[in-house]
Amino acid sequence: MARPRTPDERRLTRIVRFRLTEADHIRLAREAETVDMSVGELARALTLSRVERLVIEATASHDPALVRQLYHIGHNLNQLTKNAHIFGRIQPRVEALCRRIDALMDEAIGKEAD
C-alpha cells in the first residue's frame, strides 16, 4: 500500500537559501546532530519557532527603497540618452531634470556623510 499523499497546505514546496560561515555551519550541524535532525530541518524549525519579531534597520546608504528609486531613475535616463543619440536632440526638460537629480544626489550624499 502506498503512503498517503501530504495535504497541499502541509507540502514543503518553497526553497529558502542562505549562506553561513564555516564556523556557523559547524555549530548548526553539531546542534542538528544532537537533536537528530538535518541541518535544513533544524534551520527551518529555528526560523519558524521564533517568538520575538525580527527587526531590520535600513541605513541611508543601503535603503532598499532609495536604491530601487535610483535604479528606475537610471533606467529612465538611459532611455532618454538613447533617444537623444537616435534623434539628435534633447528635450529642454531633460537638462532641468538632470540638474534636479544632481541636487538630490548631493543632498543624499551629504546626509550619508553626517
PDB file of N, CA and C in Angstrom:
ATOM      1  N   MET A   1       0.843  -1.177   0.000  1.00  0.00           N
ATOM      2  CA  MET A   1       0.000   0.000   0.000  1.00  0.00           C
ATOM      3  C   MET A   1       0.891   1.245   0.000  1.00  0.00           C
ATOM      4  N   ALA A   2       0.553   2.206  -0.823  1.00  0.00           N
ATOM      5  CA  ALA A   2       1.343   3.433  -0.944  1.00  0.00           C
ATOM      6  C   ALA A   2       1.078   4.368   0.238  1.00  0.00           C
ATOM      7  N   ARG A   3       2.052   5.196   0.504  1.00  0.00           N
ATOM      8  CA  ARG A   3       1.913   6.181   1.577  1.00  0.00           C
ATOM      9  C   ARG A   3       0.871   7.224   1.163  1.00  0.00           C
ATOM     10  N   PRO A   4       0.023   7.669   2.096  1.00  0.00           N
ATOM     11  CA  PRO A   4      -0.985   8.670   1.732  1.00  0.00           C
ATOM     12  C   PRO A   4      -0.326  10.008   1.353  1.00  0.00           C
ATOM     13  N   ARG A   5      -0.950  10.719   0.434  1.00  0.00           N
ATOM     14  CA  ARG A   5      -0.432  11.999  -0.021  1.00  0.00           C
ATOM     15  C   ARG A   5      -0.499  13.032   1.082  1.00  0.00           C
ATOM     16  N   THR A   6       0.525  13.891   1.125  1.00  0.00           N
ATOM     17  CA  THR A   6       0.540  15.006   2.077  1.00  0.00           C
ATOM     18  C   THR A   6      -0.425  16.063   1.567  1.00  0.00           C
ATOM     19  N   PRO A   7      -1.272  16.588   2.448  1.00  0.00           N
ATOM     20  CA  PRO A   7      -2.199  17.644   2.007  1.00  0.00           C
ATOM     21  C   PRO A   7      -1.419  18.852   1.458  1.00  0.00           C
ATOM     22  N   ASP A   8      -2.005  19.550   0.505  1.00  0.00           N
ATOM     23  CA  ASP A   8      -1.332  20.676  -0.150  1.00  0.00           C
ATOM     24  C   ASP A   8      -0.841  21.722   0.836  1.00  0.00           C
ATOM     25  N   GLU A   9      -1.613  22.016   1.869  1.00  0.00           N
ATOM     26  CA  GLU A   9      -1.213  23.069   2.822  1.00  0.00           C
ATOM     27  C   GLU A   9      -0.026  22.661   3.690  1.00  0.00           C
ATOM     28  N   ARG A  10       0.306  21.365   3.745  1.00  0.00           N
ATOM     29  CA  ARG A  10       1.438  20.896   4.547  1.00  0.00           C
ATOM     30  C   ARG A  10       2.641  20.521   3.696  1.00  0.00           C
ATOM     31  N   ARG A  11       2.500  20.579   2.356  1.00  0.00           N
ATOM     32  CA  ARG A  11       3.581  20.186   1.459  1.00  0.00           C
ATOM     33  C   ARG A  11       4.650  21.278   1.426  1.00  0.00           C
ATOM     34  N   LEU A  12       5.894  20.875   1.582  1.00  0.00           N
ATOM     35  CA  LEU A  12       7.012  21.818   1.573  1.00  0.00           C
ATOM     36  C   LEU A  12       7.463  22.018   0.129  1.00  0.00           C
ATOM     37  N   THR A  13       7.058  23.131  -0.461  1.00  0.00           N
ATOM     38  CA  THR A  13       7.346  23.360  -1.875  1.00  0.00           C
ATOM     39  C   THR A  13       8.275  24.541  -2.111  1.00  0.00           C
ATOM     40  N   ARG A  14       8.463  25.399  -1.141  1.00  0.00           N
ATOM     41  CA  ARG A  14       9.274  26.605  -1.319  1.00  0.00           C
ATOM     42  C   ARG A  14      10.680  26.375  -0.768  1.00  0.00           C
ATOM     43  N   ILE A  15      11.673  26.932  -1.462  1.00  0.00           N
ATOM     44  CA  ILE A  15      13.071  26.767  -1.061  1.00  0.00           C
ATOM     45  C   ILE A  15      13.609  28.119  -0.608  1.00  0.00           C
ATOM     46  N   VAL A  16      14.268  28.139   0.550  1.00  0.00           N
ATOM     47  CA  VAL A  16      14.929  29.331   1.061  1.00  0.00           C
ATOM     48  C   VAL A  16      16.402  28.989   1.199  1.00  0.00           C
ATOM     49  N   ARG A  17      17.254  29.824   0.597  1.00  0.00           N
ATOM     50  CA  ARG A  17      18.690  29.562   0.658  1.00  0.00           C
ATOM     51  C   ARG A  17      19.379  30.730   1.337  1.00  0.00           C
ATOM     52  N   PHE A  18      20.394  30.416   2.129  1.00  0.00           N
ATOM     53  CA  PHE A  18      21.212  31.451   2.738  1.00  0.00           C
ATOM     54  C   PHE A  18      22.602  30.889   2.972  1.00  0.00           C
ATOM     55  N   ARG A  19      23.547  31.779   3.131  1.00  0.00           N
ATOM     56  CA  ARG A  19      24.939  31.362   3.310  1.00  0.00           C
ATOM     57  C   ARG A  19      25.351  31.508   4.770  1.00  0.00           C
ATOM     58  N   LEU A  20      26.272  30.630   5.183  1.00  0.00           N
ATOM     59  CA  LEU A  20      26.825  30.654   6.533  1.00  0.00           C
ATOM     60  C   LEU A  20      28.342  30.628   6.448  1.00  0.00           C
ATOM     61  N   THR A  21      28.972  31.120   7.488  1.00  0.00           N
ATOM     62  CA  THR A  21      30.416  30.932   7.574  1.00  0.00           C
ATOM     63  C   THR A  21      30.664  29.470   7.927  1.00  0.00           C
ATOM     64  N   GLU A  22      31.873  29.029   7.738  1.00  0.00           N
ATOM     65  CA  GLU A  22      32.211  27.645   8.069  1.00  0.00           C
ATOM     66  C   GLU A  22      31.949  27.367   9.544  1.00  0.00           C
ATOM     67  N   ALA A  23      32.316  28.327  10.398  1.00  0.00           N
ATOM     68  CA  ALA A  23      32.124  28.147  11.849  1.00  0.00           C
ATOM     69  C   ALA A  23      30.637  28.065  12.197  1.00  0.00           C
ATOM     70  N   ASP A  24      29.812  28.926  11.580  1.00  0.00           N
ATOM     71  CA  ASP A  24      28.369  28.880  11.846  1.00  0.00           C
ATOM     72  C   ASP A  24      27.768  27.553  11.385  1.00  0.00           C
ATOM     73  N   HIS A  25      28.217  27.068  10.231  1.00  0.00           N
ATOM     74  CA  HIS A  25      27.684  25.802   9.721  1.00  0.00           C
ATOM     75  C   HIS A  25      28.065  24.640  10.634  1.00  0.00           C
ATOM     76  N   ILE A  26      29.288  24.634  11.098  1.00  0.00           N
ATOM     77  CA  ILE A  26      29.730  23.572  12.015  1.00  0.00           C
ATOM     78  C   ILE A  26      28.894  23.595  13.285  1.00  0.00           C
ATOM     79  N   ARG A  27      28.690  24.791  13.842  1.00  0.00           N
ATOM     80  CA  ARG A  27      27.882  24.912  15.065  1.00  0.00           C
ATOM     81  C   ARG A  27      26.451  24.430  14.831  1.00  0.00           C
ATOM     82  N   LEU A  28      25.852  24.817  13.699  1.00  0.00           N
ATOM     83  CA  LEU A  28      24.486  24.398  13.388  1.00  0.00           C
ATOM     84  C   LEU A  28      24.427  22.889  13.161  1.00  0.00           C
ATOM     85  N   ALA A  29      25.431  22.336  12.499  1.00  0.00           N
ATOM     86  CA  ALA A  29      25.464  20.894  12.244  1.00  0.00           C
ATOM     87  C   ALA A  29      25.580  20.106  13.549  1.00  0.00           C
ATOM     88  N   ARG A  30      26.378  20.623  14.488  1.00  0.00           N
ATOM     89  CA  ARG A  30      26.503  19.946  15.792  1.00  0.00           C
ATOM     90  C   ARG A  30      25.178  19.964  16.542  1.00  0.00           C
ATOM     91  N   GLU A  31      24.530  21.118  16.534  1.00  0.00           N
ATOM     92  CA  GLU A  31      23.230  21.216  17.213  1.00  0.00           C
ATOM     93  C   GLU A  31      22.212  20.289  16.551  1.00  0.00           C
ATOM     94  N   ALA A  32      22.225  20.227  15.213  1.00  0.00           N
ATOM     95  CA  ALA A  32      21.296  19.357  14.495  1.00  0.00           C
ATOM     96  C   ALA A  32      21.548  17.887  14.832  1.00  0.00           C
ATOM     97  N   GLU A  33      22.812  17.535  14.961  1.00  0.00           N
ATOM     98  CA  GLU A  33      23.169  16.152  15.279  1.00  0.00           C
ATOM     99  C   GLU A  33      22.673  15.767  16.672  1.00  0.00           C
ATOM    100  N   THR A  34      22.772  16.698  17.634  1.00  0.00           N
ATOM    101  CA  THR A  34      22.337  16.370  19.000  1.00  0.00           C
ATOM    102  C   THR A  34      20.837  16.161  19.096  1.00  0.00           C
ATOM    103  N   VAL A  35      20.063  16.802  18.227  1.00  0.00           N
ATOM    104  CA  VAL A  35      18.605  16.613  18.266  1.00  0.00           C
ATOM    105  C   VAL A  35      18.129  15.680  17.161  1.00  0.00           C
ATOM    106  N   ASP A  36      19.082  15.006  16.484  1.00  0.00           N
ATOM    107  CA  ASP A  36      18.783  14.024  15.448  1.00  0.00           C
ATOM    108  C   ASP A  36      17.935  14.623  14.314  1.00  0.00           C
ATOM    109  N   MET A  37      18.422  15.758  13.797  1.00  0.00           N
ATOM    110  CA  MET A  37      17.761  16.420  12.665  1.00  0.00           C
ATOM    111  C   MET A  37      18.820  16.761  11.630  1.00  0.00           C
ATOM    112  N   SER A  38      18.365  17.017  10.409  1.00  0.00           N
ATOM    113  CA  SER A  38      19.310  17.515   9.405  1.00  0.00           C
ATOM    114  C   SER A  38      19.513  19.008   9.656  1.00  0.00           C
ATOM    115  N   VAL A  39      20.565  19.557   9.064  1.00  0.00           N
ATOM    116  CA  VAL A  39      20.847  20.986   9.235  1.00  0.00           C
ATOM    117  C   VAL A  39      19.673  21.806   8.707  1.00  0.00           C
ATOM    118  N   GLY A  40      19.135  21.434   7.561  1.00  0.00           N
ATOM    119  CA  GLY A  40      18.000  22.150   6.978  1.00  0.00           C
ATOM    120  C   GLY A  40      16.763  22.095   7.865  1.00  0.00           C
ATOM    121  N   GLU A  41      16.483  20.915   8.416  1.00  0.00           N
ATOM    122  CA  GLU A  41      15.320  20.781   9.303  1.00  0.00           C
ATOM    123  C   GLU A  41      15.468  21.662  10.536  1.00  0.00           C
ATOM    124  N   LEU A  42      16.680  21.677  11.109  1.00  0.00           N
ATOM    125  CA  LEU A  42      16.907  22.499  12.298  1.00  0.00           C
ATOM    126  C   LEU A  42      16.791  23.979  11.963  1.00  0.00           C
ATOM    127  N   ALA A  43      17.371  24.398  10.839  1.00  0.00           N
ATOM    128  CA  ALA A  43      17.292  25.806  10.442  1.00  0.00           C
ATOM    129  C   ALA A  43      15.835  26.212  10.242  1.00  0.00           C
ATOM    130  N   ARG A  44      15.038  25.340   9.618  1.00  0.00           N
ATOM    131  CA  ARG A  44      13.612  25.622   9.410  1.00  0.00           C
ATOM    132  C   ARG A  44      12.885  25.716  10.749  1.00  0.00           C
ATOM    133  N   ALA A  45      13.151  24.774  11.634  1.00  0.00           N
ATOM    134  CA  ALA A  45      12.488  24.776  12.941  1.00  0.00           C
ATOM    135  C   ALA A  45      12.851  26.027  13.742  1.00  0.00           C
ATOM    136  N   LEU A  46      14.127  26.400  13.730  1.00  0.00           N
ATOM    137  CA  LEU A  46      14.552  27.594  14.467  1.00  0.00           C
ATOM    138  C   LEU A  46      13.929  28.859  13.882  1.00  0.00           C
ATOM    139  N   THR A  47      13.840  28.919  12.570  1.00  0.00           N
ATOM    140  CA  THR A  47      13.272  30.093  11.912  1.00  0.00           C
ATOM    141  C   THR A  47      11.789  30.228  12.230  1.00  0.00           C
ATOM    142  N   LEU A  48      11.055  29.136  12.143  1.00  0.00           N
ATOM    143  CA  LEU A  48       9.608  29.202  12.331  1.00  0.00           C
ATOM    144  C   LEU A  48       9.188  29.272  13.789  1.00  0.00           C
ATOM    145  N   SER A  49      10.063  28.895  14.711  1.00  0.00           N
ATOM    146  CA  SER A  49       9.695  28.912  16.123  1.00  0.00           C
ATOM    147  C   SER A  49      10.052  30.232  16.788  1.00  0.00           C
ATOM    148  N   ARG A  50      10.554  31.168  16.044  1.00  0.00           N
ATOM    149  CA  ARG A  50      10.965  32.472  16.577  1.00  0.00           C
ATOM    150  C   ARG A  50       9.783  33.179  17.215  1.00  0.00           C
ATOM    151  N   VAL A  51       9.935  33.562  18.478  1.00  0.00           N
ATOM    152  CA  VAL A  51       8.850  34.236  19.187  1.00  0.00           C
ATOM    153  C   VAL A  51       8.929  35.745  18.988  1.00  0.00           C
ATOM    154  N   GLU A  52      10.122  36.306  19.170  1.00  0.00           N
ATOM    155  CA  GLU A  52      10.246  37.756  19.028  1.00  0.00           C
ATOM    156  C   GLU A  52      10.270  38.149  17.555  1.00  0.00           C
ATOM    157  N   ARG A  53       9.894  39.358  17.296  1.00  0.00           N
ATOM    158  CA  ARG A  53       9.818  39.857  15.929  1.00  0.00           C
ATOM    159  C   ARG A  53      11.200  40.318  15.471  1.00  0.00           C
ATOM    160  N   LEU A  54      11.577  39.927  14.277  1.00  0.00           N
ATOM    161  CA  LEU A  54      12.859  40.310  13.711  1.00  0.00           C
ATOM    162  C   LEU A  54      12.748  41.723  13.149  1.00  0.00           C
ATOM    163  N   VAL A  55      13.662  42.596  13.563  1.00  0.00           N
ATOM    164  CA  VAL A  55      13.655  43.984  13.100  1.00  0.00           C
ATOM    165  C   VAL A  55      14.929  44.224  12.295  1.00  0.00           C
ATOM    166  N   ILE A  56      14.750  44.698  11.074  1.00  0.00           N
ATOM    167  CA  ILE A  56      15.885  45.012  10.217  1.00  0.00           C
ATOM    168  C   ILE A  56      15.870  46.507   9.975  1.00  0.00           C
ATOM    169  N   GLU A  57      16.962  47.165  10.349  1.00  0.00           N
ATOM    170  CA  GLU A  57      17.055  48.601  10.167  1.00  0.00           C
ATOM    171  C   GLU A  57      17.814  48.888   8.881  1.00  0.00           C
ATOM    172  N   ALA A  58      17.228  49.726   8.044  1.00  0.00           N
ATOM    173  CA  ALA A  58      17.896  50.114   6.801  1.00  0.00           C
ATOM    174  C   ALA A  58      18.683  51.390   7.052  1.00  0.00           C
ATOM    175  N   THR A  59      19.910  51.394   6.621  1.00  0.00           N
ATOM    176  CA  THR A  59      20.719  52.603   6.740  1.00  0.00           C
ATOM    177  C   THR A  59      20.497  53.458   5.500  1.00  0.00           C
ATOM    178  N   ALA A  60      20.861  54.714   5.592  1.00  0.00           N
ATOM    179  CA  ALA A  60      20.657  55.617   4.458  1.00  0.00           C
ATOM    180  C   ALA A  60      21.411  55.144   3.223  1.00  0.00           C
ATOM    181  N   SER A  61      22.580  54.565   3.416  1.00  0.00           N
ATOM    182  CA  SER A  61      23.369  54.144   2.259  1.00  0.00           C
ATOM    183  C   SER A  61      22.865  52.835   1.646  1.00  0.00           C
ATOM    184  N   HIS A  62      22.046  52.098   2.366  1.00  0.00           N
ATOM    185  CA  HIS A  62      21.555  50.826   1.850  1.00  0.00           C
ATOM    186  C   HIS A  62      20.036  50.727   1.910  1.00  0.00           C
ATOM    187  N   ASP A  63      19.358  51.854   1.941  1.00  0.00           N
ATOM    188  CA  ASP A  63      17.907  51.860   1.998  1.00  0.00           C
ATOM    189  C   ASP A  63      17.355  51.237   0.715  1.00  0.00           C
ATOM    190  N   PRO A  64      16.674  50.096   0.806  1.00  0.00           N
ATOM    191  CA  PRO A  64      16.202  49.424  -0.404  1.00  0.00           C
ATOM    192  C   PRO A  64      15.272  50.290  -1.255  1.00  0.00           C
ATOM    193  N   ALA A  65      14.434  51.102  -0.625  1.00  0.00           N
ATOM    194  CA  ALA A  65      13.531  51.962  -1.390  1.00  0.00           C
ATOM    195  C   ALA A  65      14.316  52.996  -2.185  1.00  0.00           C
ATOM    196  N   LEU A  66      15.342  53.577  -1.566  1.00  0.00           N
ATOM    197  CA  LEU A  66      16.169  54.559  -2.260  1.00  0.00           C
ATOM    198  C   LEU A  66      16.924  53.911  -3.409  1.00  0.00           C
ATOM    199  N   VAL A  67      17.474  52.737  -3.189  1.00  0.00           N
ATOM    200  CA  VAL A  67      18.198  52.033  -4.241  1.00  0.00           C
ATOM    201  C   VAL A  67      17.270  51.723  -5.408  1.00  0.00           C
ATOM    202  N   ARG A  68      16.052  51.285  -5.114  1.00  0.00           N
ATOM    203  CA  ARG A  68      15.071  50.967  -6.160  1.00  0.00           C
ATOM    204  C   ARG A  68      14.718  52.218  -6.961  1.00  0.00           C
ATOM    205  N   GLN A  69      14.508  53.348  -6.273  1.00  0.00           N
ATOM    206  CA  GLN A  69      14.197  54.595  -6.959  1.00  0.00           C
ATOM    207  C   GLN A  69      15.355  55.034  -7.844  1.00  0.00           C
ATOM    208  N   LEU A  70      16.576  54.928  -7.336  1.00  0.00           N
ATOM    209  CA  LEU A  70      17.739  55.304  -8.133  1.00  0.00           C
ATOM    210  C   LEU A  70      17.883  54.398  -9.355  1.00  0.00           C
ATOM    211  N   TYR A  71      17.564  53.134  -9.197  1.00  0.00           N
ATOM    212  CA  TYR A  71      17.605  52.217 -10.324  1.00  0.00           C
ATOM    213  C   TYR A  71      16.642  52.672 -11.418  1.00  0.00           C
ATOM    214  N   HIS A  72      15.422  53.012 -11.027  1.00  0.00           N
ATOM    215  CA  HIS A  72      14.424  53.449 -12.009  1.00  0.00           C
ATOM    216  C   HIS A  72      14.814  54.771 -12.661  1.00  0.00           C
ATOM    217  N   ILE A  73      15.373  55.686 -11.879  1.00  0.00           N
ATOM    218  CA  ILE A  73      15.839  56.955 -12.439  1.00  0.00           C
ATOM    219  C   ILE A  73      16.933  56.696 -13.470  1.00  0.00           C
ATOM    220  N   GLY A  74      17.878  55.825 -13.119  1.00  0.00           N
ATOM    221  CA  GLY A  74      18.952  55.488 -14.048  1.00  0.00           C
ATOM    222  C   GLY A  74      18.425  54.862 -15.327  1.00  0.00           C
ATOM    223  N   HIS A  75      17.432  54.003 -15.189  1.00  0.00           N
ATOM    224  CA  HIS A  75      16.825  53.358 -16.361  1.00  0.00           C
ATOM    225  C   HIS A  75      16.185  54.407 -17.265  1.00  0.00           C
ATOM    226  N   ASN A  76      15.443  55.337 -16.668  1.00  0.00           N
ATOM    227  CA  ASN A  76      14.799  56.392 -17.450  1.00  0.00           C
ATOM    228  C   ASN A  76      15.831  57.295 -18.128  1.00  0.00           C
ATOM    229  N   LEU A  77      16.906  57.628 -17.427  1.00  0.00           N
ATOM    230  CA  LEU A  77      17.948  58.452 -18.034  1.00  0.00           C
ATOM    231  C   LEU A  77      18.613  57.722 -19.200  1.00  0.00           C
ATOM    232  N   ASN A  78      18.781  56.412 -19.076  1.00  0.00           N
ATOM    233  CA  ASN A  78      19.333  55.632 -20.183  1.00  0.00           C
ATOM    234  C   ASN A  78      18.432  55.721 -21.415  1.00  0.00           C
ATOM    235  N   GLN A  79      17.131  55.625 -21.202  1.00  0.00           N
ATOM    236  CA  GLN A  79      16.192  55.718 -22.318  1.00  0.00           C
ATOM    237  C   GLN A  79      16.251  57.097 -22.966  1.00  0.00           C
ATOM    238  N   LEU A  80      16.324  58.141 -22.138  1.00  0.00           N
ATOM    239  CA  LEU A  80      16.406  59.499 -22.670  1.00  0.00           C
ATOM    240  C   LEU A  80      17.697  59.705 -23.460  1.00  0.00           C
ATOM    241  N   THR A  81      18.802  59.165 -22.949  1.00  0.00           N
ATOM    242  CA  THR A  81      20.083  59.278 -23.643  1.00  0.00           C
ATOM    243  C   THR A  81      20.035  58.550 -24.983  1.00  0.00           C
ATOM    244  N   LYS A  82      19.446  57.383 -24.994  1.00  0.00           N
ATOM    245  CA  LYS A  82      19.328  56.620 -26.242  1.00  0.00           C
ATOM    246  C   LYS A  82      18.527  57.412 -27.271  1.00  0.00           C
ATOM    247  N   ASN A  83      17.401  57.983 -26.846  1.00  0.00           N
ATOM    248  CA  ASN A  83      16.586  58.780 -27.756  1.00  0.00           C
ATOM    249  C   ASN A  83      17.347  60.012 -28.247  1.00  0.00           C
ATOM    250  N   ALA A  84      18.132  60.630 -27.366  1.00  0.00           N
ATOM    251  CA  ALA A  84      18.911  61.801 -27.767  1.00  0.00           C
ATOM    252  C   ALA A  84      19.924  61.421 -28.840  1.00  0.00           C
ATOM    253  N   HIS A  85      20.537  60.253 -28.724  1.00  0.00           N
ATOM    254  CA  HIS A  85      21.502  59.799 -29.732  1.00  0.00           C
ATOM    255  C   HIS A  85      20.807  59.453 -31.041  1.00  0.00           C
ATOM    256  N   ILE A  86      19.638  58.850 -30.959  1.00  0.00           N
ATOM    257  CA  ILE A  86      18.913  58.450 -32.167  1.00  0.00           C
ATOM    258  C   ILE A  86      18.407  59.677 -32.928  1.00  0.00           C
ATOM    259  N   PHE A  87      17.749  60.594 -32.216  1.00  0.00           N
ATOM    260  CA  PHE A  87      17.096  61.729 -32.872  1.00  0.00           C
ATOM    261  C   PHE A  87      17.965  62.983 -32.915  1.00  0.00           C
ATOM    262  N   GLY A  88      19.085  62.985 -32.212  1.00  0.00           N
ATOM    263  CA  GLY A  88      19.998  64.111 -32.266  1.00  0.00           C
ATOM    264  C   GLY A  88      19.526  65.353 -31.548  1.00  0.00           C
ATOM    265  N   ARG A  89      18.594  65.218 -30.621  1.00  0.00           N
ATOM    266  CA  ARG A  89      18.129  66.383 -29.868  1.00  0.00           C
ATOM    267  C   ARG A  89      17.768  65.978 -28.441  1.00  0.00           C
ATOM    268  N   ILE A  90      17.831  66.959 -27.566  1.00  0.00           N
ATOM    269  CA  ILE A  90      17.490  66.744 -26.159  1.00  0.00           C
ATOM    270  C   ILE A  90      16.347  67.679 -25.801  1.00  0.00           C
ATOM    271  N   GLN A  91      15.354  67.142 -25.152  1.00  0.00           N
ATOM    272  CA  GLN A  91      14.235  67.979 -24.719  1.00  0.00           C
ATOM    273  C   GLN A  91      14.707  68.921 -23.625  1.00  0.00           C
ATOM    274  N   PRO A  92      14.213  70.149 -23.592  1.00  0.00           N
ATOM    275  CA  PRO A  92      14.654  71.128 -22.591  1.00  0.00           C
ATOM    276  C   PRO A  92      14.424  70.661 -21.146  1.00  0.00           C
ATOM    277  N   ARG A  93      13.377  69.891 -20.934  1.00  0.00           N
ATOM    278  CA  ARG A  93      13.072  69.437 -19.569  1.00  0.00           C
ATOM    279  C   ARG A  93      14.118  68.440 -19.063  1.00  0.00           C
ATOM    280  N   VAL A  94      14.800  67.743 -19.971  1.00  0.00           N
ATOM    281  CA  VAL A  94      15.770  66.727 -19.568  1.00  0.00           C
ATOM    282  C   VAL A  94      16.939  67.376 -18.841  1.00  0.00           C
ATOM    283  N   GLU A  95      17.421  68.499 -19.361  1.00  0.00           N
ATOM    284  CA  GLU A  95      18.541  69.181 -18.712  1.00  0.00           C
ATOM    285  C   GLU A  95      18.158  69.647 -17.308  1.00  0.00           C
ATOM    286  N   ALA A  96      16.949  70.198 -17.165  1.00  0.00           N
ATOM    287  CA  ALA A  96      16.475  70.633 -15.848  1.00  0.00           C
ATOM    288  C   ALA A  96      16.326  69.434 -14.913  1.00  0.00           C
ATOM    289  N   LEU A  97      15.841  68.334 -15.452  1.00  0.00           N
ATOM    290  CA  LEU A  97      15.687  67.115 -14.659  1.00  0.00           C
ATOM    291  C   LEU A  97      17.043  66.605 -14.174  1.00  0.00           C
ATOM    292  N   CYS A  98      18.047  66.647 -15.031  1.00  0.00           N
ATOM    293  CA  CYS A  98      19.389  66.197 -14.642  1.00  0.00           C
ATOM    294  C   CYS A  98      19.961  67.069 -13.529  1.00  0.00           C
ATOM    295  N   ARG A  99      19.751  68.380 -13.614  1.00  0.00           N
ATOM    296  CA  ARG A  99      20.222  69.273 -12.543  1.00  0.00           C
ATOM    297  C   ARG A  99      19.508  68.949 -11.226  1.00  0.00           C
ATOM    298  N   ARG A 100      18.231  68.664 -11.309  1.00  0.00           N
ATOM    299  CA  ARG A 100      17.456  68.320 -10.100  1.00  0.00           C
ATOM    300  C   ARG A 100      17.958  67.004  -9.496  1.00  0.00           C
ATOM    301  N   ILE A 101      18.228  66.029 -10.333  1.00  0.00           N
ATOM    302  CA  ILE A 101      18.742  64.742  -9.856  1.00  0.00           C
ATOM    303  C   ILE A 101      20.102  64.938  -9.203  1.00  0.00           C
ATOM    304  N   ASP A 102      20.966  65.761  -9.830  1.00  0.00           N
ATOM    305  CA  ASP A 102      22.271  66.066  -9.231  1.00  0.00           C
ATOM    306  C   ASP A 102      22.111  66.659  -7.840  1.00  0.00           C
ATOM    307  N   ALA A 103      21.167  67.580  -7.690  1.00  0.00           N
ATOM    308  CA  ALA A 103      20.941  68.209  -6.386  1.00  0.00           C
ATOM    309  C   ALA A 103      20.473  67.178  -5.362  1.00  0.00           C
ATOM    310  N   LEU A 104      19.575  66.289  -5.778  1.00  0.00           N
ATOM    311  CA  LEU A 104      19.086  65.243  -4.865  1.00  0.00           C
ATOM    312  C   LEU A 104      20.217  64.296  -4.461  1.00  0.00           C
ATOM    313  N   MET A 105      21.065  63.942  -5.413  1.00  0.00           N
ATOM    314  CA  MET A 105      22.189  63.052  -5.102  1.00  0.00           C
ATOM    315  C   MET A 105      23.163  63.736  -4.140  1.00  0.00           C
ATOM    316  N   ASP A 106      23.439  65.028  -4.377  1.00  0.00           N
ATOM    317  CA  ASP A 106      24.321  65.766  -3.470  1.00  0.00           C
ATOM    318  C   ASP A 106      23.737  65.803  -2.061  1.00  0.00           C
ATOM    319  N   GLU A 107      22.426  66.013  -1.981  1.00  0.00           N
ATOM    320  CA  GLU A 107      21.753  66.044  -0.680  1.00  0.00           C
ATOM    321  C   GLU A 107      21.836  64.686   0.009  1.00  0.00           C
ATOM    322  N   ALA A 108      21.618  63.602  -0.758  1.00  0.00           N
ATOM    323  CA  ALA A 108      21.685  62.261  -0.173  1.00  0.00           C
ATOM    324  C   ALA A 108      23.086  61.936   0.301  1.00  0.00           C
ATOM    325  N   ILE A 109      24.083  62.318  -0.468  1.00  0.00           N
ATOM    326  CA  ILE A 109      25.470  62.062  -0.080  1.00  0.00           C
ATOM    327  C   ILE A 109      25.826  62.880   1.157  1.00  0.00           C
ATOM    328  N   GLY A 110      25.333  64.099   1.213  1.00  0.00           N
ATOM    329  CA  GLY A 110      25.588  64.953   2.370  1.00  0.00           C
ATOM    330  C   GLY A 110      24.994  64.390   3.644  1.00  0.00           C
ATOM    331  N   LYS A 111      23.790  63.848   3.560  1.00  0.00           N
ATOM    332  CA  LYS A 111      23.137  63.238   4.723  1.00  0.00           C
ATOM    333  C   LYS A 111      23.883  62.000   5.156  1.00  0.00           C
ATOM    334  N   GLU A 112      24.391  61.227   4.180  1.00  0.00           N
ATOM    335  CA  GLU A 112      25.106  59.989   4.494  1.00  0.00           C
ATOM    336  C   GLU A 112      26.414  60.290   5.221  1.00  0.00           C
ATOM    337  N   ALA A 113      27.077  61.395   4.860  1.00  0.00           N
ATOM    338  CA  ALA A 113      28.355  61.734   5.467  1.00  0.00           C
ATOM    339  C   ALA A 113      28.212  62.210   6.903  1.00  0.00           C
ATOM    340  N   ASP A 114      27.029  62.686   7.274  1.00  0.00           N
ATOM    341  CA  ASP A 114      26.828  63.206   8.649  1.00  0.00           C
ATOM    342  C   ASP A 114      26.864  62.140   9.687  1.00  0.00           C
TER     343      ASP A 114
END
